[in-house]
Amino acid sequence: MSLKDNLVVRFEKVAGRLVPYLEESWRDVSVKLDDLNRSLASQAIPNERRDKVSELALRQKGEQAGQKTGEVRDFPGGRKRHTSS
């Protein structure tokens, strides 16, 4: 077996052991970055605007889903609000 073939075989063995470890590590890093991103996004919105931002996001999602009504309902027991679309 030539030196090149020997190195290729050894590299394949090492890569076979490292790839699963690297994939798992990348998933862990990805989850941590997602959590950090959500945390930073949450901190970026002032408390007094948070309710309004949530309401606007829900309204936009409803419009994208083809919702025809402009009615946004609170949780049961809450008051109903009518908005113009």
C-alpha atoms as a PDB file:
ATOM      1  CA  MET A   1       0.000   0.000   0.000  1.00  0.00           C
ATOM      2  CA  SER A   2       1.361   3.395  -0.976  1.00  0.00           C
ATOM      3  CA  LEU A   3       1.789   6.286   1.427  1.00  0.00           C
ATOM      4  CA  LYS A   4      -1.076   8.129  -0.272  1.00  0.00           C
ATOM      5  CA  ASP A   5      -3.441   5.157   0.087  1.00  0.00           C
ATOM      6  CA  ASN A   6      -2.406   4.716   3.708  1.00  0.00           C
ATOM      7  CA  LEU A   7      -3.131   8.383   4.446  1.00  0.00           C
ATOM      8  CA  VAL A   8      -6.505   8.206   2.695  1.00  0.00           C
ATOM      9  CA  VAL A   9      -7.539   5.173   4.779  1.00  0.00           C
ATOM     10  CA  ARG A  10      -6.450   6.863   8.010  1.00  0.00           C
ATOM     11  CA  PHE A  11      -8.200  10.098   7.074  1.00  0.00           C
ATOM     12  CA  GLU A  12     -11.437   8.222   6.327  1.00  0.00           C
ATOM     13  CA  LYS A  13     -11.282   6.516   9.743  1.00  0.00           C
ATOM     14  CA  VAL A  14     -10.712   9.822  11.530  1.00  0.00           C
ATOM     15  CA  ALA A  15     -13.421  11.568   9.485  1.00  0.00           C
ATOM     16  CA  GLY A  16     -15.855   8.743  10.259  1.00  0.00           C
ATOM     17  CA  ARG A  17     -15.354   9.351  13.970  1.00  0.00           C
ATOM     18  CA  LEU A  18     -15.357  13.143  13.792  1.00  0.00           C
ATOM     19  CA  VAL A  19     -18.370  13.781  11.553  1.00  0.00           C
ATOM     20  CA  PRO A  20     -21.047  12.648  14.060  1.00  0.00           C
ATOM     21  CA  TYR A  21     -19.338  14.635  16.820  1.00  0.00           C
ATOM     22  CA  LEU A  22     -19.159  17.747  14.631  1.00  0.00           C
ATOM     23  CA  GLU A  23     -22.802  17.410  13.568  1.00  0.00           C
ATOM     24  CA  GLU A  24     -23.921  17.138  17.187  1.00  0.00           C
ATOM     25  CA  SER A  25     -21.756  20.096  18.182  1.00  0.00           C
ATOM     26  CA  TRP A  26     -23.168  22.178  15.333  1.00  0.00           C
ATOM     27  CA  ARG A  27     -26.740  21.383  16.432  1.00  0.00           C
ATOM     28  CA  ASP A  28     -25.893  22.475  19.979  1.00  0.00           C
ATOM     29  CA  VAL A  29     -24.347  25.718  18.731  1.00  0.00           C
ATOM     30  CA  SER A  30     -27.319  26.347  16.471  1.00  0.00           C
ATOM     31  CA  VAL A  31     -29.786  25.919  19.367  1.00  0.00           C
ATOM     32  CA  LYS A  32     -27.749  28.256  21.578  1.00  0.00           C
ATOM     33  CA  LEU A  33     -27.575  30.893  18.820  1.00  0.00           C
ATOM     34  CA  ASP A  34     -31.347  30.642  18.272  1.00  0.00           C
ATOM     35  CA  ASP A  35     -31.957  31.105  21.997  1.00  0.00           C
ATOM     36  CA  LEU A  36     -29.612  34.096  22.084  1.00  0.00           C
ATOM     37  CA  ASN A  37     -31.308  35.623  19.045  1.00  0.00           C
ATOM     38  CA  ARG A  38     -34.753  35.264  20.630  1.00  0.00           C
ATOM     39  CA  SER A  39     -33.488  36.778  23.863  1.00  0.00           C
ATOM     40  CA  LEU A  40     -31.931  39.761  22.105  1.00  0.00           C
ATOM     41  CA  ALA A  41     -35.058  40.305  20.009  1.00  0.00           C
ATOM     42  CA  SER A  42     -37.199  40.220  23.149  1.00  0.00           C
ATOM     43  CA  GLN A  43     -34.954  42.740  24.902  1.00  0.00           C
ATOM     44  CA  ALA A  44     -34.971  45.042  21.872  1.00  0.00           C
ATOM     45  CA  ILE A  45     -38.711  45.718  22.167  1.00  0.00           C
ATOM     46  CA  PRO A  46     -39.594  48.117  24.991  1.00  0.00           C
ATOM     47  CA  ASN A  47     -42.205  46.777  27.417  1.00  0.00           C
ATOM     48  CA  GLU A  48     -44.724  49.482  26.516  1.00  0.00           C
ATOM     49  CA  ARG A  49     -44.607  48.429  22.831  1.00  0.00           C
ATOM     50  CA  ARG A  50     -44.549  44.657  23.340  1.00  0.00           C
ATOM     51  CA  ASP A  51     -48.369  44.210  23.357  1.00  0.00           C
ATOM     52  CA  LYS A  52     -48.785  46.317  20.226  1.00  0.00           C
ATOM     53  CA  VAL A  53     -46.024  44.449  18.383  1.00  0.00           C
ATOM     54  CA  SER A  54     -47.646  41.112  19.265  1.00  0.00           C
ATOM     55  CA  GLU A  55     -51.038  42.330  18.056  1.00  0.00           C
ATOM     56  CA  LEU A  56     -49.593  43.575  14.773  1.00  0.00           C
ATOM     57  CA  ALA A  57     -47.752  40.299  14.208  1.00  0.00           C
ATOM     58  CA  LEU A  58     -50.951  38.310  14.775  1.00  0.00           C
ATOM     59  CA  ARG A  59     -52.902  40.554  12.419  1.00  0.00           C
ATOM     60  CA  GLN A  60     -50.267  40.152   9.684  1.00  0.00           C
ATOM     61  CA  LYS A  61     -50.257  36.371  10.088  1.00  0.00           C
ATOM     62  CA  GLY A  62     -54.043  36.359   9.804  1.00  0.00           C
ATOM     63  CA  GLU A  63     -53.922  38.404   6.616  1.00  0.00           C
ATOM     64  CA  GLN A  64     -51.310  36.070   5.138  1.00  0.00           C
ATOM     65  CA  ALA A  65     -53.563  33.117   5.966  1.00  0.00           C
ATOM     66  CA  GLY A  66     -56.381  34.752   4.003  1.00  0.00           C
ATOM     67  CA  GLN A  67     -58.393  35.874   7.006  1.00  0.00           C
ATOM     68  CA  LYS A  68     -61.104  38.240   5.760  1.00  0.00           C
ATOM     69  CA  THR A  69     -62.323  39.634   9.068  1.00  0.00           C
ATOM     70  CA  GLY A  70     -60.625  42.477  10.891  1.00  0.00           C
ATOM     71  CA  GLU A  71     -61.741  41.178  14.268  1.00  0.00           C
ATOM     72  CA  VAL A  72     -59.022  40.373  16.780  1.00  0.00           C
ATOM     73  CA  ARG A  73     -60.325  38.450  19.772  1.00  0.00           C
ATOM     74  CA  ASP A  74     -58.733  38.284  23.197  1.00  0.00           C
ATOM     75  CA  PHE A  75     -58.658  35.195  25.338  1.00  0.00           C
ATOM     76  CA  PRO A  76     -62.084  33.990  26.569  1.00  0.00           C
ATOM     77  CA  GLY A  77     -63.596  36.502  28.934  1.00  0.00           C
ATOM     78  CA  GLY A  78     -61.718  39.392  27.319  1.00  0.00           C
ATOM     79  CA  ARG A  79     -63.236  42.235  25.353  1.00  0.00           C
ATOM     80  CA  LYS A  80     -63.481  42.124  21.548  1.00  0.00           C
ATOM     81  CA  ARG A  81     -61.781  44.722  19.415  1.00  0.00           C
ATOM     82  CA  HIS A  82     -62.771  45.635  15.894  1.00  0.00           C
ATOM     83  CA  THR A  83     -60.100  46.924  13.566  1.00  0.00           C
ATOM     84  CA  SER A  84     -60.241  48.220  10.054  1.00  0.00           C
ATOM     85  CA  SER A  85     -58.357  46.250   7.417  1.00  0.00           C
END
